[in-house]
Amino acid sequence: MLSRAAQRIYWAGRYLERAENTARIVQQYSHLLLDLPDEVGVEWDELVAIFGADRTFQEQGGASTDRQVLDFLLADANSGTSLLYSIRMARDNFRNLRDLLPQESWESANELYQYARKELGAQMSDENRFEVLSDCIGRCQQINGILMGTMSYNSPHFFLSLGQDIERADMTSRIVDVAAAYLQQNERLVLRYGSTLWTNVLKSVSGFQMYRQYCQPQVEGLVVVDFLLNDQKFPRAVRACVERAKQTAAWLPRAEHLVGALERAEDSLPSPLPKHLDGAEVSRLMDTLQKRLGDAHMAVVDTWFLPGDDA
């Protein structure tokens, strides 16, 4: 398999996963703002922080209003963080991989892009935002269903899966990081509104039902953090993503560097979590985890992709 093709498939997986996660997080954060009273002080700029785009947003002169934040995260074609950008990049990679990926996946990716370009813009109102985001999520899941249901388990499938699992683990860690930092800054409100916040965190990764089934009926912060970091059966938990990535890497040649990087990322997840872990410690853990996931990404790049190539 050509290095260039492997790189495009890897990034197709990352951008497709990033698009779905972006839509999920923006949708659920909007629900959170409706659920919490003004005294809690949840602001739109905290949503930008989840994506690690604070500096870019400020450099573009963005203000912390709902319209500017939503335009930046959903419809700004020049922002590498936006939903529309991720969908466009996924579609471009699918277009260039039509000889390696199922034809139906390219057609669905193109339809998703045309839909997003039309609906994600100034004309999108608060009333139809949830419907548009739900449609984007559903279309991403449709593409994933086509890929997982019709691709042979060979090199293209393995690079696609690596991209998706590394991206998913990174996004889950960012969600936990921002929630923990928020609670740390608003300790007096934790007992009163913490359950609402962590419920929305679970729903942003579609994990609320699984948490209730397999953990406990009550939504408690540290239990939620442990579930999202260490659960090996929930597919969006960080440990489950890293384990899948390690299993995938085992099918590829010269994967020792990547496996080592993934093991170091997994080692940064304390299991079980200390009973008295506070928000500051959770944030430090997430910083370390994100750096090690970045190392895993660089291991993929250094091992299989050409220097200076960028998909």
C-alpha atoms as a PDB file:
ATOM      1  CA  MET A   1       0.000   0.000   0.000  1.00  0.00           C
ATOM      2  CA  LEU A   2       1.358   3.430  -0.971  1.00  0.00           C
ATOM      3  CA  SER A   3       2.350   5.765   1.862  1.00  0.00           C
ATOM      4  CA  ARG A   4       0.271   8.587   0.408  1.00  0.00           C
ATOM      5  CA  ALA A   5      -2.851   6.413   0.280  1.00  0.00           C
ATOM      6  CA  ALA A   6      -2.286   5.194   3.853  1.00  0.00           C
ATOM      7  CA  GLN A   7      -1.993   8.779   5.020  1.00  0.00           C
ATOM      8  CA  ARG A   8      -5.192   9.842   3.292  1.00  0.00           C
ATOM      9  CA  ILE A   9      -7.117   6.920   4.779  1.00  0.00           C
ATOM     10  CA  TYR A  10      -5.779   7.670   8.260  1.00  0.00           C
ATOM     11  CA  TRP A  11      -6.854  11.301   7.973  1.00  0.00           C
ATOM     12  CA  ALA A  12     -10.209  10.364   6.475  1.00  0.00           C
ATOM     13  CA  GLY A  13     -10.846   8.386   9.658  1.00  0.00           C
ATOM     14  CA  ARG A  14      -9.697  11.242  11.881  1.00  0.00           C
ATOM     15  CA  TYR A  15     -11.741  13.913  10.113  1.00  0.00           C
ATOM     16  CA  LEU A  16     -14.879  11.779   9.966  1.00  0.00           C
ATOM     17  CA  GLU A  17     -14.596  11.054  13.692  1.00  0.00           C
ATOM     18  CA  ARG A  18     -13.812  14.709  14.428  1.00  0.00           C
ATOM     19  CA  ALA A  19     -16.878  15.858  12.508  1.00  0.00           C
ATOM     20  CA  GLU A  20     -19.200  13.547  14.424  1.00  0.00           C
ATOM     21  CA  ASN A  21     -17.680  14.500  17.778  1.00  0.00           C
ATOM     22  CA  THR A  22     -17.866  18.215  16.998  1.00  0.00           C
ATOM     23  CA  ALA A  23     -21.556  17.953  16.177  1.00  0.00           C
ATOM     24  CA  ARG A  24     -22.194  15.889  19.319  1.00  0.00           C
ATOM     25  CA  ILE A  25     -20.371  18.288  21.638  1.00  0.00           C
ATOM     26  CA  VAL A  26     -21.923  21.483  20.251  1.00  0.00           C
ATOM     27  CA  GLN A  27     -25.381  19.931  20.382  1.00  0.00           C
ATOM     28  CA  GLN A  28     -25.015  18.764  23.977  1.00  0.00           C
ATOM     29  CA  TYR A  29     -23.350  21.971  25.155  1.00  0.00           C
ATOM     30  CA  SER A  30     -26.333  23.876  23.800  1.00  0.00           C
ATOM     31  CA  HIS A  31     -28.575  21.619  25.895  1.00  0.00           C
ATOM     32  CA  LEU A  32     -26.366  22.284  28.944  1.00  0.00           C
ATOM     33  CA  LEU A  33     -26.808  26.041  28.589  1.00  0.00           C
ATOM     34  CA  LEU A  34     -30.559  25.526  28.556  1.00  0.00           C
ATOM     35  CA  ASP A  35     -30.471  23.220  31.605  1.00  0.00           C
ATOM     36  CA  LEU A  36     -28.280  25.345  33.909  1.00  0.00           C
ATOM     37  CA  PRO A  37     -29.327  28.701  35.423  1.00  0.00           C
ATOM     38  CA  ASP A  38     -27.371  31.880  34.745  1.00  0.00           C
ATOM     39  CA  GLU A  39     -25.778  31.844  38.215  1.00  0.00           C
ATOM     40  CA  VAL A  40     -23.641  28.866  37.217  1.00  0.00           C
ATOM     41  CA  GLY A  41     -21.788  31.064  34.744  1.00  0.00           C
ATOM     42  CA  VAL A  42     -21.374  28.610  31.871  1.00  0.00           C
ATOM     43  CA  GLU A  43     -20.138  30.619  28.893  1.00  0.00           C
ATOM     44  CA  TRP A  44     -19.855  29.925  25.189  1.00  0.00           C
ATOM     45  CA  ASP A  45     -16.091  30.428  25.135  1.00  0.00           C
ATOM     46  CA  GLU A  46     -15.695  27.285  27.273  1.00  0.00           C
ATOM     47  CA  LEU A  47     -16.973  25.372  24.275  1.00  0.00           C
ATOM     48  CA  VAL A  48     -14.044  26.719  22.239  1.00  0.00           C
ATOM     49  CA  ALA A  49     -11.688  25.511  24.988  1.00  0.00           C
ATOM     50  CA  ILE A  50     -12.887  21.919  24.520  1.00  0.00           C
ATOM     51  CA  PHE A  51     -11.415  21.969  21.026  1.00  0.00           C
ATOM     52  CA  GLY A  52      -8.193  23.651  22.141  1.00  0.00           C
ATOM     53  CA  ALA A  53      -8.888  26.566  19.805  1.00  0.00           C
ATOM     54  CA  ASP A  54      -8.827  29.459  22.274  1.00  0.00           C
ATOM     55  CA  ARG A  55      -5.839  31.211  20.727  1.00  0.00           C
ATOM     56  CA  THR A  56      -7.104  30.886  17.160  1.00  0.00           C
ATOM     57  CA  PHE A  57     -10.513  32.206  18.153  1.00  0.00           C
ATOM     58  CA  GLN A  58      -8.984  35.212  19.912  1.00  0.00           C
ATOM     59  CA  GLU A  59      -6.618  35.940  17.025  1.00  0.00           C
ATOM     60  CA  GLN A  60      -9.613  36.112  14.706  1.00  0.00           C
ATOM     61  CA  GLY A  61     -11.197  38.684  16.996  1.00  0.00           C
ATOM     62  CA  GLY A  62     -13.974  36.394  18.133  1.00  0.00           C
ATOM     63  CA  ALA A  63     -16.271  37.497  20.953  1.00  0.00           C
ATOM     64  CA  SER A  64     -17.840  35.095  23.419  1.00  0.00           C
ATOM     65  CA  THR A  65     -21.337  35.381  21.960  1.00  0.00           C
ATOM     66  CA  ASP A  66     -23.331  32.367  20.960  1.00  0.00           C
ATOM     67  CA  ARG A  67     -23.461  33.401  17.290  1.00  0.00           C
ATOM     68  CA  GLN A  68     -19.727  33.995  16.886  1.00  0.00           C
ATOM     69  CA  VAL A  69     -18.748  30.833  18.751  1.00  0.00           C
ATOM     70  CA  LEU A  70     -21.199  28.737  16.746  1.00  0.00           C
ATOM     71  CA  ASP A  71     -20.056  30.244  13.447  1.00  0.00           C
ATOM     72  CA  PHE A  72     -16.428  29.520  14.399  1.00  0.00           C
ATOM     73  CA  LEU A  73     -17.097  25.918  15.445  1.00  0.00           C
ATOM     74  CA  LEU A  74     -19.677  24.985  12.835  1.00  0.00           C
ATOM     75  CA  ALA A  75     -19.506  27.041   9.664  1.00  0.00           C
ATOM     76  CA  ASP A  76     -16.131  28.818   9.382  1.00  0.00           C
ATOM     77  CA  ALA A  77     -14.545  27.260   6.295  1.00  0.00           C
ATOM     78  CA  ASN A  78     -11.139  28.717   7.254  1.00  0.00           C
ATOM     79  CA  SER A  79     -11.129  27.311  10.778  1.00  0.00           C
ATOM     80  CA  GLY A  80      -9.450  23.930  11.124  1.00  0.00           C
ATOM     81  CA  THR A  81     -11.666  23.359  14.157  1.00  0.00           C
ATOM     82  CA  SER A  82     -15.043  23.794  12.459  1.00  0.00           C
ATOM     83  CA  LEU A  83     -17.527  21.078  11.653  1.00  0.00           C
ATOM     84  CA  LEU A  84     -17.750  22.188   8.018  1.00  0.00           C
ATOM     85  CA  TYR A  85     -13.945  22.061   7.648  1.00  0.00           C
ATOM     86  CA  SER A  86     -13.766  18.520   9.062  1.00  0.00           C
ATOM     87  CA  ILE A  87     -16.553  17.354   6.772  1.00  0.00           C
ATOM     88  CA  ARG A  88     -14.878  18.960   3.752  1.00  0.00           C
ATOM     89  CA  MET A  89     -11.512  17.388   4.543  1.00  0.00           C
ATOM     90  CA  ALA A  90     -13.104  13.974   5.101  1.00  0.00           C
ATOM     91  CA  ARG A  91     -14.923  14.298   1.796  1.00  0.00           C
ATOM     92  CA  ASP A  92     -11.756  15.334  -0.068  1.00  0.00           C
ATOM     93  CA  ASN A  93      -9.890  12.315   1.274  1.00  0.00           C
ATOM     94  CA  PHE A  94     -12.757   9.983   0.401  1.00  0.00           C
ATOM     95  CA  ARG A  95     -12.800  11.413  -3.123  1.00  0.00           C
ATOM     96  CA  ASN A  96      -9.115  10.608  -3.566  1.00  0.00           C
ATOM     97  CA  LEU A  97      -9.574   7.092  -2.178  1.00  0.00           C
ATOM     98  CA  ARG A  98     -12.410   5.919  -4.371  1.00  0.00           C
ATOM     99  CA  ASP A  99     -10.364   2.963  -5.597  1.00  0.00           C
ATOM    100  CA  LEU A 100      -9.704   1.765  -2.018  1.00  0.00           C
ATOM    101  CA  LEU A 101     -12.895   2.573  -0.125  1.00  0.00           C
ATOM    102  CA  PRO A 102     -16.470   1.392  -0.811  1.00  0.00           C
ATOM    103  CA  GLN A 103     -18.163   3.494  -3.481  1.00  0.00           C
ATOM    104  CA  GLU A 104     -21.155   4.048  -1.221  1.00  0.00           C
ATOM    105  CA  SER A 105     -18.919   5.660   1.415  1.00  0.00           C
ATOM    106  CA  TRP A 106     -17.680   8.278  -1.078  1.00  0.00           C
ATOM    107  CA  GLU A 107     -21.223   9.016  -2.226  1.00  0.00           C
ATOM    108  CA  SER A 108     -22.430   9.417   1.372  1.00  0.00           C
ATOM    109  CA  ALA A 109     -19.446  11.629   2.281  1.00  0.00           C
ATOM    110  CA  ASN A 110     -20.177  13.864  -0.701  1.00  0.00           C
ATOM    111  CA  GLU A 111     -23.865  14.078   0.242  1.00  0.00           C
ATOM    112  CA  LEU A 112     -22.898  14.977   3.822  1.00  0.00           C
ATOM    113  CA  TYR A 113     -20.660  17.786   2.594  1.00  0.00           C
ATOM    114  CA  GLN A 114     -23.321  19.205   0.273  1.00  0.00           C
ATOM    115  CA  TYR A 115     -25.851  19.090   3.107  1.00  0.00           C
ATOM    116  CA  ALA A 116     -23.477  20.724   5.612  1.00  0.00           C
ATOM    117  CA  ARG A 117     -22.430  23.463   3.181  1.00  0.00           C
ATOM    118  CA  LYS A 118     -26.083  24.348   2.667  1.00  0.00           C
ATOM    119  CA  GLU A 119     -27.336  24.097   6.250  1.00  0.00           C
ATOM    120  CA  LEU A 120     -24.364  25.222   8.381  1.00  0.00           C
ATOM    121  CA  GLY A 121     -24.325  28.959   7.921  1.00  0.00           C
ATOM    122  CA  ALA A 122     -25.808  32.286   8.827  1.00  0.00           C
ATOM    123  CA  GLN A 123     -29.260  31.051   7.864  1.00  0.00           C
ATOM    124  CA  MET A 124     -29.159  28.326  10.531  1.00  0.00           C
ATOM    125  CA  SER A 125     -31.430  29.430  13.357  1.00  0.00           C
ATOM    126  CA  ASP A 126     -31.445  28.382  16.988  1.00  0.00           C
ATOM    127  CA  GLU A 127     -34.640  26.487  16.276  1.00  0.00           C
ATOM    128  CA  ASN A 128     -33.210  24.188  13.593  1.00  0.00           C
ATOM    129  CA  ARG A 129     -29.646  23.895  14.974  1.00  0.00           C
ATOM    130  CA  PHE A 130     -30.387  20.686  16.875  1.00  0.00           C
ATOM    131  CA  GLU A 131     -32.019  19.105  13.835  1.00  0.00           C
ATOM    132  CA  VAL A 132     -29.081  20.005  11.555  1.00  0.00           C
ATOM    133  CA  LEU A 133     -26.519  18.685  14.047  1.00  0.00           C
ATOM    134  CA  SER A 134     -28.521  15.490  14.537  1.00  0.00           C
ATOM    135  CA  ASP A 135     -28.591  14.999  10.772  1.00  0.00           C
ATOM    136  CA  CYS A 136     -24.815  15.490  10.568  1.00  0.00           C
ATOM    137  CA  ILE A 137     -24.269  12.935  13.340  1.00  0.00           C
ATOM    138  CA  GLY A 138     -26.590  10.459  11.654  1.00  0.00           C
ATOM    139  CA  ARG A 139     -24.879  10.879   8.284  1.00  0.00           C
ATOM    140  CA  CYS A 140     -21.441  10.351   9.863  1.00  0.00           C
ATOM    141  CA  GLN A 141     -22.738   7.188  11.497  1.00  0.00           C
ATOM    142  CA  GLN A 142     -24.133   6.060   8.147  1.00  0.00           C
ATOM    143  CA  ILE A 143     -20.696   6.403   6.553  1.00  0.00           C
ATOM    144  CA  ASN A 144     -19.116   4.523   9.457  1.00  0.00           C
ATOM    145  CA  GLY A 145     -21.685   1.773   9.051  1.00  0.00           C
ATOM    146  CA  ILE A 146     -20.842   1.431   5.363  1.00  0.00           C
ATOM    147  CA  LEU A 147     -17.114   1.321   6.096  1.00  0.00           C
ATOM    148  CA  MET A 148     -17.301  -1.146   8.968  1.00  0.00           C
ATOM    149  CA  GLY A 149     -19.826  -3.360   7.204  1.00  0.00           C
ATOM    150  CA  THR A 150     -18.226  -3.623   3.761  1.00  0.00           C
ATOM    151  CA  MET A 151     -14.452  -3.089   4.072  1.00  0.00           C
ATOM    152  CA  SER A 152     -12.133  -6.077   4.118  1.00  0.00           C
ATOM    153  CA  TYR A 153      -9.855  -6.310   7.134  1.00  0.00           C
ATOM    154  CA  ASN A 154      -6.613  -5.296   5.443  1.00  0.00           C
ATOM    155  CA  SER A 155      -4.311  -2.264   5.435  1.00  0.00           C
ATOM    156  CA  PRO A 156      -6.871   0.417   4.392  1.00  0.00           C
ATOM    157  CA  HIS A 157      -9.224  -0.711   7.155  1.00  0.00           C
ATOM    158  CA  PHE A 158      -6.426  -0.698   9.731  1.00  0.00           C
ATOM    159  CA  PHE A 159      -5.263   2.851   8.944  1.00  0.00           C
ATOM    160  CA  LEU A 160      -8.851   4.107   8.947  1.00  0.00           C
ATOM    161  CA  SER A 161      -9.454   2.525  12.364  1.00  0.00           C
ATOM    162  CA  LEU A 162      -6.216   3.942  13.790  1.00  0.00           C
ATOM    163  CA  GLY A 163      -7.238   7.452  12.795  1.00  0.00           C
ATOM    164  CA  GLN A 164     -10.697   7.090  14.296  1.00  0.00           C
ATOM    165  CA  ASP A 165      -9.570   5.594  17.605  1.00  0.00           C
ATOM    166  CA  ILE A 166      -6.772   8.120  18.238  1.00  0.00           C
ATOM    167  CA  GLU A 167      -9.104  11.002  17.388  1.00  0.00           C
ATOM    168  CA  ARG A 168     -11.897   9.618  19.566  1.00  0.00           C
ATOM    169  CA  ALA A 169      -9.623   9.092  22.572  1.00  0.00           C
ATOM    170  CA  ASP A 170      -8.263  12.628  22.252  1.00  0.00           C
ATOM    171  CA  MET A 171     -11.739  14.172  22.039  1.00  0.00           C
ATOM    172  CA  THR A 172     -13.030  12.240  25.061  1.00  0.00           C
ATOM    173  CA  SER A 173     -10.039  13.414  27.093  1.00  0.00           C
ATOM    174  CA  ARG A 174     -10.749  17.034  26.118  1.00  0.00           C
ATOM    175  CA  ILE A 175     -14.366  16.756  27.236  1.00  0.00           C
ATOM    176  CA  VAL A 176     -13.297  15.384  30.627  1.00  0.00           C
ATOM    177  CA  ASP A 177     -10.584  18.041  30.939  1.00  0.00           C
ATOM    178  CA  VAL A 178     -12.868  21.027  30.407  1.00  0.00           C
ATOM    179  CA  ALA A 179     -15.605  19.646  32.672  1.00  0.00           C
ATOM    180  CA  ALA A 180     -13.092  19.035  35.471  1.00  0.00           C
ATOM    181  CA  ALA A 181     -11.599  22.518  35.068  1.00  0.00           C
ATOM    182  CA  TYR A 182     -15.052  24.078  35.190  1.00  0.00           C
ATOM    183  CA  LEU A 183     -15.959  22.269  38.409  1.00  0.00           C
ATOM    184  CA  GLN A 184     -12.628  23.276  39.910  1.00  0.00           C
ATOM    185  CA  GLN A 185     -13.431  26.949  39.288  1.00  0.00           C
ATOM    186  CA  ASN A 186     -16.997  26.643  40.605  1.00  0.00           C
ATOM    187  CA  GLU A 187     -16.693  24.388  43.629  1.00  0.00           C
ATOM    188  CA  ARG A 188     -19.599  25.932  45.499  1.00  0.00           C
ATOM    189  CA  LEU A 189     -21.947  24.896  42.708  1.00  0.00           C
ATOM    190  CA  VAL A 190     -20.717  21.315  42.361  1.00  0.00           C
ATOM    191  CA  LEU A 191     -23.108  19.773  44.853  1.00  0.00           C
ATOM    192  CA  ARG A 192     -26.064  21.653  43.415  1.00  0.00           C
ATOM    193  CA  TYR A 193     -25.491  21.345  39.668  1.00  0.00           C
ATOM    194  CA  GLY A 194     -22.678  18.798  39.260  1.00  0.00           C
ATOM    195  CA  SER A 195     -25.080  16.008  38.334  1.00  0.00           C
ATOM    196  CA  THR A 196     -26.531  18.076  35.482  1.00  0.00           C
ATOM    197  CA  LEU A 197     -23.083  18.904  34.142  1.00  0.00           C
ATOM    198  CA  TRP A 198     -21.801  15.321  34.229  1.00  0.00           C
ATOM    199  CA  THR A 199     -25.047  14.019  32.723  1.00  0.00           C
ATOM    200  CA  ASN A 200     -24.475  16.317  29.750  1.00  0.00           C
ATOM    201  CA  VAL A 201     -20.837  15.172  29.555  1.00  0.00           C
ATOM    202  CA  LEU A 202     -22.047  11.568  29.279  1.00  0.00           C
ATOM    203  CA  LYS A 203     -24.658  12.485  26.681  1.00  0.00           C
ATOM    204  CA  SER A 204     -22.060  14.303  24.568  1.00  0.00           C
ATOM    205  CA  VAL A 205     -20.452  10.892  23.923  1.00  0.00           C
ATOM    206  CA  SER A 206     -23.790   9.004  23.951  1.00  0.00           C
ATOM    207  CA  GLY A 207     -22.644   7.312  27.140  1.00  0.00           C
ATOM    208  CA  PHE A 208     -25.457   8.194  29.557  1.00  0.00           C
ATOM    209  CA  GLN A 209     -27.479   5.018  29.038  1.00  0.00           C
ATOM    210  CA  MET A 210     -24.444   2.723  29.213  1.00  0.00           C
ATOM    211  CA  TYR A 211     -23.236   4.485  32.371  1.00  0.00           C
ATOM    212  CA  ARG A 212     -26.604   3.986  34.044  1.00  0.00           C
ATOM    213  CA  GLN A 213     -26.727   0.334  33.054  1.00  0.00           C
ATOM    214  CA  TYR A 214     -23.238  -0.719  34.063  1.00  0.00           C
ATOM    215  CA  CYS A 215     -22.064   1.765  36.719  1.00  0.00           C
ATOM    216  CA  GLN A 216     -24.760   3.172  38.977  1.00  0.00           C
ATOM    217  CA  PRO A 217     -28.069   5.074  38.792  1.00  0.00           C
ATOM    218  CA  GLN A 218     -26.615   8.280  40.275  1.00  0.00           C
ATOM    219  CA  VAL A 219     -24.367  10.481  38.163  1.00  0.00           C
ATOM    220  CA  GLU A 220     -21.259  11.320  40.189  1.00  0.00           C
ATOM    221  CA  GLY A 221     -18.245  13.192  38.875  1.00  0.00           C
ATOM    222  CA  LEU A 222     -15.412  10.802  39.726  1.00  0.00           C
ATOM    223  CA  VAL A 223     -17.420   7.761  38.666  1.00  0.00           C
ATOM    224  CA  VAL A 224     -18.151   9.440  35.328  1.00  0.00           C
ATOM    225  CA  VAL A 225     -14.459  10.319  34.869  1.00  0.00           C
ATOM    226  CA  ASP A 226     -13.454   6.731  35.651  1.00  0.00           C
ATOM    227  CA  PHE A 227     -16.071   5.412  33.209  1.00  0.00           C
ATOM    228  CA  LEU A 228     -14.952   7.693  30.376  1.00  0.00           C
ATOM    229  CA  LEU A 229     -11.268   7.009  30.947  1.00  0.00           C
ATOM    230  CA  ASN A 230     -11.036   3.380  32.046  1.00  0.00           C
ATOM    231  CA  ASP A 231     -14.068   1.421  30.882  1.00  0.00           C
ATOM    232  CA  GLN A 232     -12.859  -1.262  28.474  1.00  0.00           C
ATOM    233  CA  LYS A 233     -16.269  -2.063  26.983  1.00  0.00           C
ATOM    234  CA  PHE A 234     -17.722   1.364  26.228  1.00  0.00           C
ATOM    235  CA  PRO A 235     -16.392   2.159  22.717  1.00  0.00           C
ATOM    236  CA  ARG A 236     -15.848   5.883  23.375  1.00  0.00           C
ATOM    237  CA  ALA A 237     -13.921   5.444  26.636  1.00  0.00           C
ATOM    238  CA  VAL A 238     -10.233   6.335  26.303  1.00  0.00           C
ATOM    239  CA  ARG A 239      -8.897   2.945  27.426  1.00  0.00           C
ATOM    240  CA  ALA A 240     -11.187   1.111  24.994  1.00  0.00           C
ATOM    241  CA  CYS A 241      -9.992   3.345  22.136  1.00  0.00           C
ATOM    242  CA  VAL A 242      -6.319   2.814  23.007  1.00  0.00           C
ATOM    243  CA  GLU A 243      -6.782  -0.949  23.316  1.00  0.00           C
ATOM    244  CA  ARG A 244      -8.452  -1.102  19.893  1.00  0.00           C
ATOM    245  CA  ALA A 245      -5.651   0.992  18.412  1.00  0.00           C
ATOM    246  CA  LYS A 246      -3.065  -1.413  19.856  1.00  0.00           C
ATOM    247  CA  GLN A 247      -4.920  -4.404  18.404  1.00  0.00           C
ATOM    248  CA  THR A 248      -5.093  -2.677  15.035  1.00  0.00           C
ATOM    249  CA  ALA A 249      -1.398  -1.784  15.120  1.00  0.00           C
ATOM    250  CA  ALA A 250      -0.537  -5.450  15.631  1.00  0.00           C
ATOM    251  CA  TRP A 251      -1.730  -6.128  12.069  1.00  0.00           C
ATOM    252  CA  LEU A 252       0.636  -3.566  10.549  1.00  0.00           C
ATOM    253  CA  PRO A 253       4.390  -3.921   9.892  1.00  0.00           C
ATOM    254  CA  ARG A 254       6.977  -1.995  11.931  1.00  0.00           C
ATOM    255  CA  ALA A 255       4.384  -1.014  14.538  1.00  0.00           C
ATOM    256  CA  GLU A 256       6.632  -1.290  17.606  1.00  0.00           C
ATOM    257  CA  HIS A 257       7.047   2.490  17.940  1.00  0.00           C
ATOM    258  CA  LEU A 258       3.288   3.050  17.791  1.00  0.00           C
ATOM    259  CA  VAL A 259       2.481   0.243  20.229  1.00  0.00           C
ATOM    260  CA  GLY A 260       4.996   1.675  22.697  1.00  0.00           C
ATOM    261  CA  ALA A 261       3.453   5.148  22.406  1.00  0.00           C
ATOM    262  CA  LEU A 262      -0.049   3.738  22.925  1.00  0.00           C
ATOM    263  CA  GLU A 263       1.089   1.776  25.972  1.00  0.00           C
ATOM    264  CA  ARG A 264       2.545   4.951  27.472  1.00  0.00           C
ATOM    265  CA  ALA A 265      -0.761   6.711  26.861  1.00  0.00           C
ATOM    266  CA  GLU A 266      -2.582   3.852  28.577  1.00  0.00           C
ATOM    267  CA  ASP A 267      -0.134   3.945  31.504  1.00  0.00           C
ATOM    268  CA  SER A 268      -1.127   7.565  32.136  1.00  0.00           C
ATOM    269  CA  LEU A 269      -4.660   6.395  33.030  1.00  0.00           C
ATOM    270  CA  PRO A 270      -4.796   5.561  36.750  1.00  0.00           C
ATOM    271  CA  SER A 271      -7.137   2.663  37.409  1.00  0.00           C
ATOM    272  CA  PRO A 272      -8.966   2.813  39.660  1.00  0.00           C
ATOM    273  CA  LEU A 273      -8.970   6.562  40.134  1.00  0.00           C
ATOM    274  CA  PRO A 274      -7.970   7.873  43.570  1.00  0.00           C
ATOM    275  CA  LYS A 275     -11.069   8.498  45.671  1.00  0.00           C
ATOM    276  CA  HIS A 276     -10.200  12.116  46.403  1.00  0.00           C
ATOM    277  CA  LEU A 277      -9.026  13.187  42.956  1.00  0.00           C
ATOM    278  CA  ASP A 278      -9.808  16.878  42.455  1.00  0.00           C
ATOM    279  CA  GLY A 279     -10.384  18.913  39.317  1.00  0.00           C
ATOM    280  CA  ALA A 280      -6.808  20.185  39.125  1.00  0.00           C
ATOM    281  CA  GLU A 281      -5.395  16.652  39.230  1.00  0.00           C
ATOM    282  CA  VAL A 282      -7.833  15.489  36.563  1.00  0.00           C
ATOM    283  CA  SER A 283      -6.707  18.362  34.337  1.00  0.00           C
ATOM    284  CA  ARG A 284      -3.060  17.412  34.825  1.00  0.00           C
ATOM    285  CA  LEU A 285      -3.845  13.801  33.966  1.00  0.00           C
ATOM    286  CA  MET A 286      -5.633  14.905  30.793  1.00  0.00           C
ATOM    287  CA  ASP A 287      -2.737  17.138  29.754  1.00  0.00           C
ATOM    288  CA  THR A 288      -0.373  14.179  30.063  1.00  0.00           C
ATOM    289  CA  LEU A 289      -2.778  11.891  28.235  1.00  0.00           C
ATOM    290  CA  GLN A 290      -3.240  14.334  25.343  1.00  0.00           C
ATOM    291  CA  LYS A 291       0.529  14.708  24.948  1.00  0.00           C
ATOM    292  CA  ARG A 292       0.960  10.939  24.807  1.00  0.00           C
ATOM    293  CA  LEU A 293      -1.864  10.571  22.310  1.00  0.00           C
ATOM    294  CA  GLY A 294      -0.052  13.212  20.274  1.00  0.00           C
ATOM    295  CA  ASP A 295       3.067  11.050  20.520  1.00  0.00           C
ATOM    296  CA  ALA A 296       1.036   8.097  19.215  1.00  0.00           C
ATOM    297  CA  HIS A 297      -0.087  10.208  16.256  1.00  0.00           C
ATOM    298  CA  MET A 298       3.517  11.175  15.530  1.00  0.00           C
ATOM    299  CA  ALA A 299       4.505   7.503  15.728  1.00  0.00           C
ATOM    300  CA  VAL A 300       2.006   6.780  12.943  1.00  0.00           C
ATOM    301  CA  VAL A 301       3.372   9.679  10.882  1.00  0.00           C
ATOM    302  CA  ASP A 302       7.045   8.782  11.422  1.00  0.00           C
ATOM    303  CA  THR A 303       6.561   5.073  10.726  1.00  0.00           C
ATOM    304  CA  TRP A 304       4.361   5.010   7.643  1.00  0.00           C
ATOM    305  CA  PHE A 305       4.026   8.453   6.042  1.00  0.00           C
ATOM    306  CA  LEU A 306       6.433  10.422   3.866  1.00  0.00           C
ATOM    307  CA  PRO A 307       8.194  13.415   5.488  1.00  0.00           C
ATOM    308  CA  GLY A 308       6.512  16.698   4.667  1.00  0.00           C
ATOM    309  CA  ASP A 309       3.379  15.015   3.327  1.00  0.00           C
ATOM    310  CA  ASP A 310       0.137  16.402   4.697  1.00  0.00           C
ATOM    311  CA  ALA A 311      -3.325  15.061   3.940  1.00  0.00           C
END
